[in-house]
Structures are given as C-alpha cells and as structure tokens.
Amino acid sequence: MRWTWDPEKAARNRAKHGLSFETAALVFEDPLQLSRLDPHLDGDRWQTIGMVGAVLLLVVHTAPEAYDTDDEPTGRIISARKASAKERRAYEETGL
C-alpha cells in the first residue's frame, strides 16, 4: 500500500504535532490497527489508530484505492497526531 500527502500540509502537521507523515504511515503496519469512518465529517475520510514504536497515533486519511498506473492501492494522509487519553482508552478497551 502506498501513501501520499500534500507536502505543505505535512510540514504544517510536523510543526504543530511534531510528527512527520512518513512516521505516521507506519501506523498501517500495526497488525492491531483499528480504522473507522471519521465521525466528524461527511465524505470519505477515515481515522486509523495504531502503535508506532511505543507511541499510539491517530491518522486521518482517505481510503486506499487502486488508481495509480500500477494499480497499487494508494491513500492520502490528511493529518496525524498522538492519540488523546480518551482515544487511548477506547483503543485499549474496545477499539476505536
């Protein structure tokens, strides 16, 4: 799976949250990651929560679709940050 992002948005996210989108993309390698439609927005945005190293991250992204020339599923990362205490509890107890 491939992830893309807007470089300017990635720079703003890093400045605000201290987290690069390159690191955020590693959340999709967590076998225990959980994803759901973003409840705050209409449209095709998803939230995925998962561990990267010892840090629990929340990544907002589009659903990966096979639209590249090689048909590799590609999604777009929109934002990423450390999970809040409430999100951590939900992840640990019942899932996102």
Protein backbone atom coordinates (compact mmCIF):
# COMPACT_ATOMS: atom_id res chain seq x y z
CA MET A 1 0.00 0.00 0.00
CA ARG A 2 1.25 3.46 -0.83
CA TRP A 3 0.56 6.74 0.98
CA THR A 4 0.73 10.23 -0.47
CA TRP A 5 0.24 13.68 1.05
CA ASP A 6 0.44 17.36 0.36
CA PRO A 7 3.99 18.48 1.26
CA GLU A 8 2.82 21.82 2.69
CA LYS A 9 0.18 20.11 4.84
CA ALA A 10 2.82 17.62 6.00
CA ALA A 11 5.13 20.48 7.04
CA ARG A 12 2.32 22.20 8.98
CA ASN A 13 1.41 18.92 10.68
CA ARG A 14 5.05 18.35 11.69
CA ALA A 15 5.32 21.87 13.11
CA LYS A 16 2.05 21.55 15.04
CA HIS A 17 2.26 17.94 16.25
CA GLY A 18 5.97 17.08 15.92
CA LEU A 19 5.07 14.15 13.70
CA SER A 20 6.05 13.54 10.09
CA PHE A 21 3.68 11.85 7.66
CA GLU A 22 6.46 9.36 6.88
CA THR A 23 6.31 8.24 10.51
CA ALA A 24 2.50 8.40 10.54
CA ALA A 25 2.36 6.00 7.59
CA LEU A 26 3.93 3.33 9.81
CA VAL A 27 0.63 3.08 11.74
CA PHE A 28 -0.70 0.96 8.86
CA GLU A 29 1.92 -1.69 9.64
CA ASP A 30 0.46 -2.26 13.13
CA PRO A 31 -1.41 -5.60 12.98
CA LEU A 32 -3.74 -4.31 15.73
CA GLN A 33 -4.60 -1.03 13.98
CA LEU A 34 -8.24 0.00 14.03
CA SER A 35 -9.98 2.10 11.37
CA ARG A 36 -13.36 3.79 11.14
CA LEU A 37 -15.07 6.46 9.07
CA ASP A 38 -14.32 9.88 10.52
CA PRO A 39 -17.46 10.67 12.56
CA HIS A 40 -16.85 14.43 12.40
CA LEU A 41 -17.01 14.82 8.63
CA ASP A 42 -19.17 13.83 5.72
CA GLY A 43 -17.25 12.17 2.96
CA ASP A 44 -14.54 9.63 2.52
CA ARG A 45 -12.21 10.34 5.44
CA TRP A 46 -11.07 7.64 7.78
CA GLN A 47 -9.39 7.57 11.18
CA THR A 48 -6.86 4.85 11.91
CA ILE A 49 -5.36 4.38 15.34
CA GLY A 50 -2.35 2.20 15.97
CA MET A 51 1.06 1.85 17.52
CA VAL A 52 4.30 3.12 16.01
CA GLY A 53 7.04 2.02 18.34
CA ALA A 54 5.75 2.84 21.82
CA VAL A 55 3.50 5.70 20.66
CA LEU A 56 -0.21 5.42 19.85
CA LEU A 57 -1.06 7.57 16.82
CA LEU A 58 -4.29 8.72 15.21
CA VAL A 59 -4.06 9.24 11.45
CA VAL A 60 -6.80 10.83 9.33
CA HIS A 61 -6.68 9.67 5.71
CA THR A 62 -8.62 8.74 2.62
CA ALA A 63 -9.40 5.11 1.89
CA PRO A 64 -6.70 3.48 -0.24
CA GLU A 65 -7.86 2.97 -3.81
CA ALA A 66 -6.19 1.34 -6.79
CA TYR A 67 -5.93 4.32 -9.09
CA ASP A 68 -2.20 4.51 -9.81
CA THR A 69 -0.89 3.18 -13.09
CA ASP A 70 0.43 0.06 -11.35
CA ASP A 71 -2.89 -0.45 -9.51
CA GLU A 72 -1.18 -0.35 -6.12
CA PRO A 73 -3.71 0.82 -3.52
CA THR A 74 -2.88 4.42 -2.67
CA GLY A 75 -4.35 6.58 0.08
CA ARG A 76 -3.75 10.17 1.14
CA ILE A 77 -2.73 11.14 4.67
CA ILE A 78 -4.54 14.29 5.79
CA SER A 79 -3.33 14.70 9.38
CA ALA A 80 -1.63 12.77 12.16
CA ARG A 81 -1.05 13.22 15.87
CA LYS A 82 -0.55 11.33 19.10
CA ALA A 83 -3.81 9.80 20.31
CA SER A 84 -5.60 11.56 23.17
CA ALA A 85 -6.13 9.87 26.53
CA LYS A 86 -9.78 9.22 25.59
CA GLU A 87 -8.76 7.66 22.26
CA ARG A 88 -6.13 5.54 24.01
CA ARG A 89 -8.71 4.18 26.47
CA ALA A 90 -11.11 3.36 23.63
CA TYR A 91 -8.32 1.62 21.69
CA GLU A 92 -7.25 -0.41 24.71
CA GLU A 93 -10.77 -1.33 25.86
CA THR A 94 -12.97 -1.80 22.81
CA GLY A 95 -11.34 -0.39 19.74
CA LEU A 96 -11.71 3.00 18.15
